[in-house]
Protein backbone atom coordinates (compact mmCIF):
# COMPACT_ATOMS: atom_id res chain seq x y z
CA MET A 1 -113.04 0.66 187.47
CA ARG A 2 -111.70 0.56 183.81
CA THR A 3 -108.55 3.01 184.02
CA VAL A 4 -107.71 4.23 180.54
CA ALA A 5 -103.80 3.31 179.92
CA SER A 6 -101.68 6.30 180.71
CA PRO A 7 -98.97 7.31 178.59
CA GLY A 8 -95.61 8.50 179.82
CA PRO A 9 -94.78 12.18 180.33
CA GLY A 10 -93.35 12.63 176.82
CA ARG A 11 -96.42 10.97 175.28
CA GLN A 12 -99.30 12.85 176.82
CA HIS A 13 -101.05 13.40 173.32
CA GLN A 14 -102.03 9.65 173.35
CA PHE A 15 -104.86 10.26 175.89
CA ARG A 16 -106.06 13.38 173.75
CA ASP A 17 -105.83 10.97 170.75
CA GLN A 18 -108.13 8.64 172.31
CA LEU A 19 -110.73 11.28 173.22
CA LEU A 20 -110.59 12.67 169.78
CA GLN A 21 -111.15 9.13 168.13
CA GLN A 22 -114.02 8.51 170.52
CA GLY A 23 -115.61 11.78 169.47
CA LEU A 24 -115.69 13.30 173.15
CA LEU A 25 -113.27 16.01 171.88
CA ILE A 26 -113.32 17.64 168.48
CA GLY A 27 -110.02 19.06 166.89
CA THR A 28 -109.79 22.56 165.71
CA GLY A 29 -106.18 22.51 164.37
CA VAL A 30 -105.14 24.65 167.32
CA PRO A 31 -103.28 23.03 170.18
CA GLY A 32 -105.52 22.99 173.27
CA VAL A 33 -108.44 24.49 171.82
CA TYR A 34 -111.31 21.67 171.32
CA GLY A 35 -114.88 21.43 170.54
CA ARG A 36 -116.91 19.07 172.90
CA SER A 37 -119.52 16.40 172.02
CA ARG A 38 -122.86 16.11 173.54
CA GLU A 39 -121.66 13.20 175.87
CA PHE A 40 -118.67 15.52 177.18
CA GLU A 41 -121.09 18.42 177.68
CA ASN A 42 -123.57 16.17 179.41
CA THR A 43 -120.77 15.00 181.86
CA VAL A 44 -119.52 18.60 182.55
CA ASP A 45 -122.89 19.87 183.28
CA LEU A 46 -123.34 16.82 185.85
CA VAL A 47 -119.99 17.90 187.40
CA ASP A 48 -120.85 21.56 187.41
CA ARG A 49 -124.24 20.82 189.29
CA LEU A 50 -122.23 18.76 191.94
CA VAL A 51 -119.80 21.79 192.39
CA ALA A 52 -122.62 24.01 192.94
CA SER A 53 -124.19 21.75 195.44
CA LEU A 54 -121.02 21.76 197.63
CA GLY A 55 -121.62 25.35 198.53
CA ALA A 56 -125.31 25.38 198.54
CA ALA A 57 -125.81 25.42 202.21
CA ASP A 58 -123.89 28.67 202.47
CA SER A 59 -126.49 30.47 200.26
CA PRO A 60 -123.90 32.26 198.09
CA GLU A 61 -124.68 35.04 195.79
CA VAL A 62 -124.62 33.79 192.32
CA MET A 63 -122.65 35.67 189.60
CA ARG A 64 -122.35 34.76 186.06
CA PHE A 65 -119.96 36.74 183.57
CA PRO A 66 -118.99 36.34 180.01
CA PRO A 67 -115.46 35.27 179.29
CA ILE A 68 -114.17 38.77 178.78
CA LEU A 69 -113.07 41.30 181.28
CA ASN A 70 -112.70 44.99 181.46
CA ARG A 71 -109.18 45.64 180.56
CA THR A 72 -108.80 48.27 183.32
CA HIS A 73 -109.89 45.90 185.77
CA LEU A 74 -107.34 43.56 184.55
CA GLU A 75 -104.52 46.11 184.80
CA ARG A 76 -105.58 46.89 188.36
CA SER A 77 -105.58 43.42 189.34
CA GLY A 78 -101.70 42.96 189.01
CA TYR A 79 -102.16 40.01 186.51
CA LEU A 80 -99.79 41.61 184.15
CA LYS A 81 -96.87 41.83 186.56
CA SER A 82 -97.11 38.13 187.29
CA PHE A 83 -98.88 36.29 184.32
CA PRO A 84 -98.18 38.36 181.00
CA HIS A 85 -97.44 35.13 179.15
CA LEU A 86 -100.90 33.55 180.14
CA LEU A 87 -103.03 36.42 179.09
CA GLY A 88 -105.22 36.61 175.89
CA THR A 89 -106.03 40.31 174.48
CA ILE A 90 -108.85 41.09 172.25
CA HIS A 91 -108.31 43.45 169.24
CA SER A 92 -111.31 44.84 167.20
CA PHE A 93 -111.29 46.75 163.63
CA ALA A 94 -111.91 50.41 164.06
CA GLY A 95 -110.80 51.73 160.78
CA SER A 96 -112.37 53.69 157.89
CA GLU A 97 -113.21 52.27 154.48
CA HIS A 98 -109.56 53.23 153.35
CA ALA A 99 -108.23 51.10 156.17
CA HIS A 100 -110.42 48.20 155.18
CA ARG A 101 -109.41 48.42 151.63
CA HIS A 102 -105.64 48.41 152.84
CA LEU A 103 -106.62 45.41 155.14
CA LEU A 104 -107.96 43.37 152.00
CA ARG A 105 -104.89 44.18 149.93
CA ALA A 106 -102.63 42.70 152.93
CA LEU A 107 -104.95 39.81 153.08
CA GLU A 108 -104.73 39.09 149.46
CA ALA A 109 -100.94 39.47 149.26
CA GLY A 110 -100.32 37.19 152.28
CA ASP A 111 -98.91 40.10 154.29
CA ASP A 112 -99.74 40.79 157.99
CA TRP A 113 -103.18 42.43 158.40
CA SER A 114 -103.30 42.56 162.32
CA SER A 115 -102.24 46.26 162.42
CA ALA A 116 -105.68 47.36 161.69
CA PHE A 117 -107.10 45.75 164.67
CA PRO A 118 -106.06 47.92 167.86
CA PRO A 119 -106.56 46.67 171.23
CA ALA A 120 -110.24 46.57 172.57
CA PRO A 121 -111.11 47.69 176.08
CA ILE A 122 -111.54 44.13 176.90
CA VAL A 123 -109.23 41.00 177.66
CA LEU A 124 -110.02 37.33 177.90
CA THR A 125 -110.92 36.40 181.38
CA PRO A 126 -108.01 34.38 183.02
CA ALA A 127 -109.92 33.27 186.04
CA ALA A 128 -113.62 33.08 186.88
CA CYS A 129 -113.20 34.96 189.98
CA TYR A 130 -111.49 38.04 188.54
CA PRO A 131 -114.78 40.05 187.63
CA VAL A 132 -115.85 39.48 191.31
CA TYR A 133 -113.48 41.73 192.90
CA PRO A 134 -114.37 44.90 191.02
CA ALA A 135 -117.95 44.01 191.44
CA THR A 136 -117.60 44.11 195.25
CA THR A 137 -115.69 47.30 195.72
CA GLY A 138 -116.83 49.24 198.81
CA THR A 139 -117.76 47.96 202.19
CA LEU A 140 -118.76 44.49 202.82
CA PRO A 141 -121.92 43.64 204.87
CA ALA A 142 -121.25 42.29 208.34
CA GLY A 143 -119.98 38.93 208.09
CA GLY A 144 -118.52 39.50 204.54
CA ARG A 145 -119.69 37.98 201.32
CA LEU A 146 -119.92 34.65 199.51
CA VAL A 147 -120.06 34.54 195.77
CA ASP A 148 -120.75 31.55 193.49
CA VAL A 149 -119.24 32.37 190.03
CA SER A 150 -118.57 30.41 186.86
CA SER A 151 -117.12 31.38 183.34
CA TYR A 152 -115.05 30.13 180.47
CA CYS A 153 -111.46 31.29 180.94
CA PHE A 154 -108.31 31.60 178.66
CA ARG A 155 -104.62 30.74 179.29
CA HIS A 156 -102.14 30.93 176.55
CA GLU A 157 -100.73 27.53 177.17
CA PRO A 158 -100.95 25.60 173.83
CA SER A 159 -100.26 22.03 174.59
CA ASP A 160 -101.14 18.41 173.29
CA ASP A 161 -101.94 17.63 176.82
CA ALA A 162 -105.68 17.30 176.87
CA GLY A 163 -105.76 18.56 180.56
CA ARG A 164 -104.07 21.82 179.64
CA MET A 165 -106.71 23.54 177.38
CA GLN A 166 -106.36 27.13 176.30
CA MET A 167 -109.92 27.80 176.90
CA PHE A 168 -111.88 26.01 179.67
CA ARG A 169 -114.45 26.51 182.29
CA MET A 170 -113.92 27.20 186.06
CA HIS A 171 -116.64 27.13 188.65
CA GLU A 172 -115.32 28.97 191.85
CA HIS A 173 -116.67 29.77 195.27
CA VAL A 174 -115.24 33.21 196.55
CA ARG A 175 -115.08 34.23 200.24
CA LEU A 176 -114.71 38.05 201.05
CA GLY A 177 -114.22 39.14 204.78
CA ASP A 178 -111.96 39.45 207.68
CA PRO A 179 -108.74 37.25 207.76
CA ARG A 180 -110.19 34.79 210.39
CA ALA A 181 -113.38 34.14 208.62
CA VAL A 182 -111.68 33.69 205.21
CA SER A 183 -109.21 31.31 206.58
CA GLY A 184 -111.80 29.34 208.27
CA TRP A 185 -113.95 29.14 205.19
CA ARG A 186 -110.85 27.72 203.04
CA GLN A 187 -110.30 25.08 205.87
CA LYS A 188 -113.92 23.97 205.48
CA TRP A 189 -113.43 23.79 201.67
CA LEU A 190 -110.60 21.70 202.14
CA GLY A 191 -112.89 18.94 203.69
CA ARG A 192 -115.42 19.47 200.90
CA ALA A 193 -113.11 19.23 198.08
CA LYS A 194 -111.74 15.92 199.60
CA SER A 195 -115.32 14.50 199.99
CA PHE A 196 -115.88 15.76 196.35
CA THR A 197 -112.95 13.61 194.85
CA ASP A 198 -113.66 10.67 197.15
CA ALA A 199 -117.39 10.50 195.78
CA LEU A 200 -116.15 10.59 192.14
CA GLY A 201 -113.64 7.67 193.01
CA LEU A 202 -110.72 9.89 191.81
CA ASP A 203 -107.19 9.08 193.07
CA ALA A 204 -106.43 12.63 194.28
CA ARG A 205 -103.96 14.14 196.63
CA CYS A 206 -103.73 17.62 198.10
CA ASP A 207 -100.31 19.51 197.73
CA ALA A 208 -98.99 22.82 198.40
CA ALA A 209 -98.51 24.48 195.00
CA SER A 210 -97.61 27.89 193.34
CA ASP A 211 -98.89 29.78 190.31
CA PRO A 212 -96.61 30.02 187.17
CA PHE A 213 -95.24 33.37 187.94
CA PHE A 214 -93.27 35.16 185.02
CA GLY A 215 -89.72 36.47 185.10
CA ARG A 216 -86.55 36.24 187.22
CA GLY A 217 -88.63 37.32 190.33
CA GLY A 218 -91.19 34.50 189.69
CA LYS A 219 -89.26 31.76 191.55
CA LEU A 220 -89.02 33.86 194.76
CA LEU A 221 -92.95 34.50 194.46
CA ALA A 222 -93.73 30.99 193.82
CA ASP A 223 -91.44 29.83 196.69
CA SER A 224 -93.13 32.13 199.25
CA GLN A 225 -96.62 31.15 198.11
CA ARG A 226 -95.85 27.37 198.39
CA ASP A 227 -94.07 28.04 201.66
CA LEU A 228 -96.97 29.94 203.31
CA ARG A 229 -99.36 27.40 201.63
CA LEU A 230 -101.40 30.09 199.92
CA LYS A 231 -102.30 27.88 197.08
CA LEU A 232 -103.39 24.23 197.63
CA GLU A 233 -104.24 21.80 194.77
CA PHE A 234 -105.86 18.61 194.49
CA VAL A 235 -104.24 16.74 191.68
CA THR A 236 -104.95 13.48 190.04
CA ALA A 237 -103.76 11.61 186.78
CA ILE A 238 -105.27 12.85 183.57
CA SER A 239 -102.62 12.37 180.61
CA SER A 240 -99.89 11.18 182.94
CA ASP A 241 -99.45 9.06 186.15
CA GLU A 242 -95.98 10.79 186.62
CA HIS A 243 -97.17 14.36 186.31
CA PRO A 244 -100.67 14.64 187.89
CA THR A 245 -102.64 17.48 186.96
CA ALA A 246 -104.48 20.13 189.38
CA ILE A 247 -108.32 19.77 189.10
CA ILE A 248 -109.12 21.91 192.50
CA SER A 249 -107.31 24.74 193.46
CA LEU A 250 -107.79 26.53 196.97
CA ASN A 251 -106.25 30.12 197.00
CA CYS A 252 -105.64 32.55 199.77
CA HIS A 253 -105.04 36.01 198.48
CA GLN A 254 -104.72 37.59 201.72
CA ASP A 255 -105.57 41.34 201.26
CA HIS A 256 -104.22 41.58 197.65
CA PHE A 257 -107.75 42.10 196.01
CA GLY A 258 -109.07 44.19 198.99
CA GLU A 259 -106.12 46.63 198.64
CA LEU A 260 -106.42 47.01 194.85
CA PHE A 261 -110.12 47.04 194.62
CA GLY A 262 -110.96 49.09 197.67
CA ILE A 263 -112.88 46.37 199.54
CA LYS A 264 -113.34 46.72 203.07
CA THR A 265 -114.90 44.95 206.09
CA ALA A 266 -117.73 46.22 208.11
CA ASP A 267 -115.19 47.55 210.49
CA GLY A 268 -113.43 49.53 207.89
CA ALA A 269 -110.28 47.11 207.50
CA VAL A 270 -108.87 45.94 204.20
CA ALA A 271 -110.77 42.72 203.37
CA HIS A 272 -109.10 39.41 202.63
CA THR A 273 -110.22 37.18 200.12
CA ALA A 274 -109.92 33.47 198.96
CA CYS A 275 -111.52 31.23 196.28
CA VAL A 276 -111.73 27.56 195.71
CA GLY A 277 -111.76 26.71 191.89
CA PHE A 278 -112.94 23.47 190.16
CA GLY A 279 -111.75 22.98 186.56
CA LEU A 280 -114.79 21.44 184.92
CA GLU A 281 -113.13 20.08 181.75
CA ARG A 282 -110.31 18.68 183.97
CA ILE A 283 -112.43 16.96 186.33
CA THR A 284 -114.36 15.63 183.56
CA LEU A 285 -111.17 14.16 181.80
CA ALA A 286 -110.02 12.79 185.23
CA LEU A 287 -113.33 10.83 185.28
CA TYR A 288 -112.61 9.49 181.67
CA ARG A 289 -109.06 8.68 182.68
CA ARG A 290 -109.90 6.98 185.86
CA HIS A 291 -113.22 5.05 185.04
CA GLY A 292 -113.05 4.61 181.32
CA LEU A 293 -114.64 6.58 178.36
CA ASP A 294 -118.09 5.21 178.66
CA PRO A 295 -119.99 6.80 181.64
CA ALA A 296 -122.64 4.06 181.39
CA ARG A 297 -119.94 1.59 182.63
CA TRP A 298 -118.83 3.78 185.48
CA PRO A 299 -118.86 2.38 189.21
CA THR A 300 -122.21 2.71 190.57
CA PRO A 301 -121.17 5.09 193.47
CA VAL A 302 -119.79 7.59 190.93
CA ARG A 303 -122.86 7.43 188.66
CA GLU A 304 -125.02 7.92 191.92
CA ALA A 305 -122.88 11.01 192.84
CA LEU A 306 -123.33 12.43 189.67
CA ARG A 307 -126.88 11.59 189.27
CA LEU A 308 -126.28 9.79 185.87
């Protein structure tokens, strides 16, 4: 095992710089936004296949969405109440030729031209599972539904920490059904997630966690979420040993999405939902951090798990 030297919490950019110098990541001039090399993408693909295989025995429905979301669905989800600071909106030009000339004059003068771009009816997807809930509105079949979903996602968190990208991929498995079935499903995935991190040789631990809720009431929401263990995360070192990064998240939403999107169980009750999300870039970065920047030299059991 060839662990890359980890910087302290104040020097998290050092691991990012190693990745850039190696050519695994490609800088864009925007913090947290990177191009990826063929080698990096090959590893992400192998991680993605392994994530898919974990739930294959459940025969889930497979859904794939673009990294944009109906703005109305986002508004209904409650995301703006809790995470306005993370959202990315989309704005598109819809003006006349006169408006275009005004835009060009502003551009040439170095003035603000963004007023020519009103909000579009779509936003950037904040989590891969968000399009699933409006797509499953109505009554679930007996036994509920299982969905395998993956997408690029956006979070407005500019950072020099390579593990905190603004645009990244999440592969999720989602369960919709009655409370007991959903709770049992999440418990099963706890074991699967542990087996996954063990197979990849990652020194990961599972902790109760909370989402970064916004505003003065955010701390109360975060404390409640943690106390009820509604969010569990597997964390491991990426840019810092002292501040490990979440690579897998297991979330119980209770009846939140069922209520908002009119999702019912076969007996007419409001459905509960849960998801387990795998951060594909973060897992890939954790592998580089743990085993070194050359996958050809990774431990044999890890290479076999990934089918390298």
